[in-house]
């Protein structure tokens, strides 16, 4: 079964879904009000810690990530805040985002079980 024991989850922790966005970017607002509101995406994101940084607020990019300057930009981080998957950018359709996140979680859980 792919269900993780509580101990395994505690040991490795949830990955982080980090969204870099801008409140003046129409693609960002479309993504936040579209794909991120999709019921399937909301369900999948329960497996992640969610962080969002509005780059217009002058906040520094909090981690050592592969940020190209294009927003919206999604970064998947491990518990040490190291990036674990390719950066994805743009107003990604929910269906594509679901595929990306589901595939990532499968690999992440396989990695957890191998520890």
C-alpha atoms as a PDB file:
ATOM      1  CA  UNK A   1       0.000   0.000   0.000  1.00  0.00           C
ATOM      2  CA  UNK A   2       1.179   3.529  -0.607  1.00  0.00           C
ATOM      3  CA  UNK A   3      -0.148   4.809   2.709  1.00  0.00           C
ATOM      4  CA  UNK A   4       2.635   6.075   4.917  1.00  0.00           C
ATOM      5  CA  UNK A   5       2.840   5.273   8.579  1.00  0.00           C
ATOM      6  CA  UNK A   6       2.617   8.236  10.923  1.00  0.00           C
ATOM      7  CA  UNK A   7       6.249   7.674  11.919  1.00  0.00           C
ATOM      8  CA  UNK A   8       7.416   7.873   8.315  1.00  0.00           C
ATOM      9  CA  UNK A   9       5.495  11.086   7.724  1.00  0.00           C
ATOM     10  CA  UNK A  10       6.915  12.615  10.903  1.00  0.00           C
ATOM     11  CA  UNK A  11      10.429  11.529   9.987  1.00  0.00           C
ATOM     12  CA  UNK A  12      10.508  13.128   6.577  1.00  0.00           C
ATOM     13  CA  UNK A  13       7.820  15.755   6.915  1.00  0.00           C
ATOM     14  CA  UNK A  14       5.633  17.140   4.183  1.00  0.00           C
ATOM     15  CA  UNK A  15       7.207  18.702   1.132  1.00  0.00           C
ATOM     16  CA  UNK A  16       6.566  22.422   0.670  1.00  0.00           C
ATOM     17  CA  UNK A  17       4.627  23.883  -2.259  1.00  0.00           C
ATOM     18  CA  UNK A  18       6.116  27.367  -2.627  1.00  0.00           C
ATOM     19  CA  UNK A  19       4.326  29.793  -4.921  1.00  0.00           C
ATOM     20  CA  UNK A  20       6.071  32.990  -5.955  1.00  0.00           C
ATOM     21  CA  UNK A  21       3.563  35.436  -7.376  1.00  0.00           C
ATOM     22  CA  UNK A  22       2.856  39.103  -7.900  1.00  0.00           C
ATOM     23  CA  UNK A  23      -0.371  40.968  -7.200  1.00  0.00           C
ATOM     24  CA  UNK A  24       0.088  42.962 -10.421  1.00  0.00           C
ATOM     25  CA  UNK A  25       0.472  39.880 -12.628  1.00  0.00           C
ATOM     26  CA  UNK A  26      -2.725  38.792 -14.443  1.00  0.00           C
ATOM     27  CA  UNK A  27      -1.342  35.273 -15.000  1.00  0.00           C
ATOM     28  CA  UNK A  28      -0.732  34.920 -11.258  1.00  0.00           C
ATOM     29  CA  UNK A  29      -4.226  36.051 -10.339  1.00  0.00           C
ATOM     30  CA  UNK A  30      -5.713  33.764 -12.980  1.00  0.00           C
ATOM     31  CA  UNK A  31      -3.698  30.825 -11.602  1.00  0.00           C
ATOM     32  CA  UNK A  32      -4.610  31.551  -7.971  1.00  0.00           C
ATOM     33  CA  UNK A  33      -8.314  32.013  -8.768  1.00  0.00           C
ATOM     34  CA  UNK A  34      -8.406  29.185 -11.297  1.00  0.00           C
ATOM     35  CA  UNK A  35      -6.138  26.161 -10.948  1.00  0.00           C
ATOM     36  CA  UNK A  36      -5.494  26.612  -7.219  1.00  0.00           C
ATOM     37  CA  UNK A  37      -9.253  26.665  -6.543  1.00  0.00           C
ATOM     38  CA  UNK A  38      -9.765  23.382  -8.427  1.00  0.00           C
ATOM     39  CA  UNK A  39     -11.139  20.701  -6.045  1.00  0.00           C
ATOM     40  CA  UNK A  40      -8.604  18.081  -7.195  1.00  0.00           C
ATOM     41  CA  UNK A  41      -5.691  20.486  -6.715  1.00  0.00           C
ATOM     42  CA  UNK A  42      -6.938  21.477  -3.259  1.00  0.00           C
ATOM     43  CA  UNK A  43      -7.084  17.780  -2.327  1.00  0.00           C
ATOM     44  CA  UNK A  44      -3.566  17.082  -3.645  1.00  0.00           C
ATOM     45  CA  UNK A  45      -2.150  20.140  -1.878  1.00  0.00           C
ATOM     46  CA  UNK A  46      -3.209  18.685   1.484  1.00  0.00           C
ATOM     47  CA  UNK A  47      -0.030  16.584   1.130  1.00  0.00           C
ATOM     48  CA  UNK A  48       2.105  19.742   1.105  1.00  0.00           C
ATOM     49  CA  UNK A  49       2.925  22.659   3.359  1.00  0.00           C
ATOM     50  CA  UNK A  50       1.834  25.703   1.373  1.00  0.00           C
ATOM     51  CA  UNK A  51       3.833  28.911   1.237  1.00  0.00           C
ATOM     52  CA  UNK A  52       3.168  31.891  -1.007  1.00  0.00           C
ATOM     53  CA  UNK A  53       5.430  34.896  -1.463  1.00  0.00           C
ATOM     54  CA  UNK A  54       4.202  38.053  -3.200  1.00  0.00           C
ATOM     55  CA  UNK A  55       7.423  39.298  -4.777  1.00  0.00           C
ATOM     56  CA  UNK A  56       5.981  42.826  -4.979  1.00  0.00           C
ATOM     57  CA  UNK A  57       6.092  43.107  -1.213  1.00  0.00           C
ATOM     58  CA  UNK A  58       9.866  43.257  -1.432  1.00  0.00           C
ATOM     59  CA  UNK A  59      10.196  40.002   0.434  1.00  0.00           C
ATOM     60  CA  UNK A  60      13.434  38.262  -0.236  1.00  0.00           C
ATOM     61  CA  UNK A  61      13.145  34.888  -1.922  1.00  0.00           C
ATOM     62  CA  UNK A  62      13.318  32.783   1.216  1.00  0.00           C
ATOM     63  CA  UNK A  63      15.262  29.751   0.018  1.00  0.00           C
ATOM     64  CA  UNK A  64      17.952  28.666  -2.376  1.00  0.00           C
ATOM     65  CA  UNK A  65      15.679  27.956  -5.302  1.00  0.00           C
ATOM     66  CA  UNK A  66      15.801  28.016  -9.063  1.00  0.00           C
ATOM     67  CA  UNK A  67      13.806  31.219  -9.601  1.00  0.00           C
ATOM     68  CA  UNK A  68      14.016  32.708 -13.091  1.00  0.00           C
ATOM     69  CA  UNK A  69      12.092  35.875 -12.289  1.00  0.00           C
ATOM     70  CA  UNK A  70       8.986  34.663 -14.130  1.00  0.00           C
ATOM     71  CA  UNK A  71       5.796  34.470 -12.052  1.00  0.00           C
ATOM     72  CA  UNK A  72       3.737  32.575 -11.135  1.00  0.00           C
ATOM     73  CA  UNK A  73       6.555  30.234 -10.226  1.00  0.00           C
ATOM     74  CA  UNK A  74       6.100  26.967  -8.314  1.00  0.00           C
ATOM     75  CA  UNK A  75       8.884  25.335  -6.339  1.00  0.00           C
ATOM     76  CA  UNK A  76       8.644  22.013  -4.514  1.00  0.00           C
ATOM     77  CA  UNK A  77      10.971  21.882  -1.509  1.00  0.00           C
ATOM     78  CA  UNK A  78      11.934  19.221   0.985  1.00  0.00           C
ATOM     79  CA  UNK A  79      11.925  19.725   4.743  1.00  0.00           C
ATOM     80  CA  UNK A  80      15.402  21.285   4.540  1.00  0.00           C
ATOM     81  CA  UNK A  81      13.937  23.755   2.027  1.00  0.00           C
ATOM     82  CA  UNK A  82      16.019  22.431  -0.865  1.00  0.00           C
ATOM     83  CA  UNK A  83      14.279  22.351  -4.209  1.00  0.00           C
ATOM     84  CA  UNK A  84      13.275  18.809  -5.199  1.00  0.00           C
ATOM     85  CA  UNK A  85      11.650  19.163  -8.601  1.00  0.00           C
ATOM     86  CA  UNK A  86      11.939  21.329 -11.675  1.00  0.00           C
ATOM     87  CA  UNK A  87      10.528  24.831 -11.317  1.00  0.00           C
ATOM     88  CA  UNK A  88       7.236  25.229 -13.140  1.00  0.00           C
ATOM     89  CA  UNK A  89       6.010  28.617 -14.239  1.00  0.00           C
ATOM     90  CA  UNK A  90       2.967  30.231 -15.747  1.00  0.00           C
ATOM     91  CA  UNK A  91      -0.794  29.907 -15.436  1.00  0.00           C
ATOM     92  CA  UNK A  92      -0.702  26.111 -15.422  1.00  0.00           C
ATOM     93  CA  UNK A  93      -4.011  24.354 -16.127  1.00  0.00           C
ATOM     94  CA  UNK A  94      -5.275  22.367 -13.130  1.00  0.00           C
ATOM     95  CA  UNK A  95      -5.058  19.110 -15.093  1.00  0.00           C
ATOM     96  CA  UNK A  96      -1.344  19.618 -15.840  1.00  0.00           C
ATOM     97  CA  UNK A  97      -0.603  20.767 -12.303  1.00  0.00           C
ATOM     98  CA  UNK A  98      -2.374  17.690 -10.908  1.00  0.00           C
ATOM     99  CA  UNK A  99      -0.230  15.405 -13.085  1.00  0.00           C
ATOM    100  CA  UNK A 100       2.968  17.165 -12.009  1.00  0.00           C
ATOM    101  CA  UNK A 101       2.122  17.094  -8.292  1.00  0.00           C
ATOM    102  CA  UNK A 102       0.834  13.512  -8.328  1.00  0.00           C
ATOM    103  CA  UNK A 103       3.971  12.274 -10.084  1.00  0.00           C
ATOM    104  CA  UNK A 104       6.137  14.182  -7.630  1.00  0.00           C
ATOM    105  CA  UNK A 105       4.299  12.690  -4.627  1.00  0.00           C
ATOM    106  CA  UNK A 106       4.691   9.167  -6.020  1.00  0.00           C
ATOM    107  CA  UNK A 107       8.448   9.672  -6.308  1.00  0.00           C
ATOM    108  CA  UNK A 108       8.640  11.367  -2.906  1.00  0.00           C
ATOM    109  CA  UNK A 109       6.794   8.519  -1.198  1.00  0.00           C
ATOM    110  CA  UNK A 110       8.957   5.931  -2.953  1.00  0.00           C
ATOM    111  CA  UNK A 111      12.002   7.827  -1.713  1.00  0.00           C
ATOM    112  CA  UNK A 112      10.573   7.927   1.808  1.00  0.00           C
ATOM    113  CA  UNK A 113      10.061   4.169   1.803  1.00  0.00           C
ATOM    114  CA  UNK A 114      13.632   3.604   0.637  1.00  0.00           C
ATOM    115  CA  UNK A 115      15.143   5.423   3.640  1.00  0.00           C
END
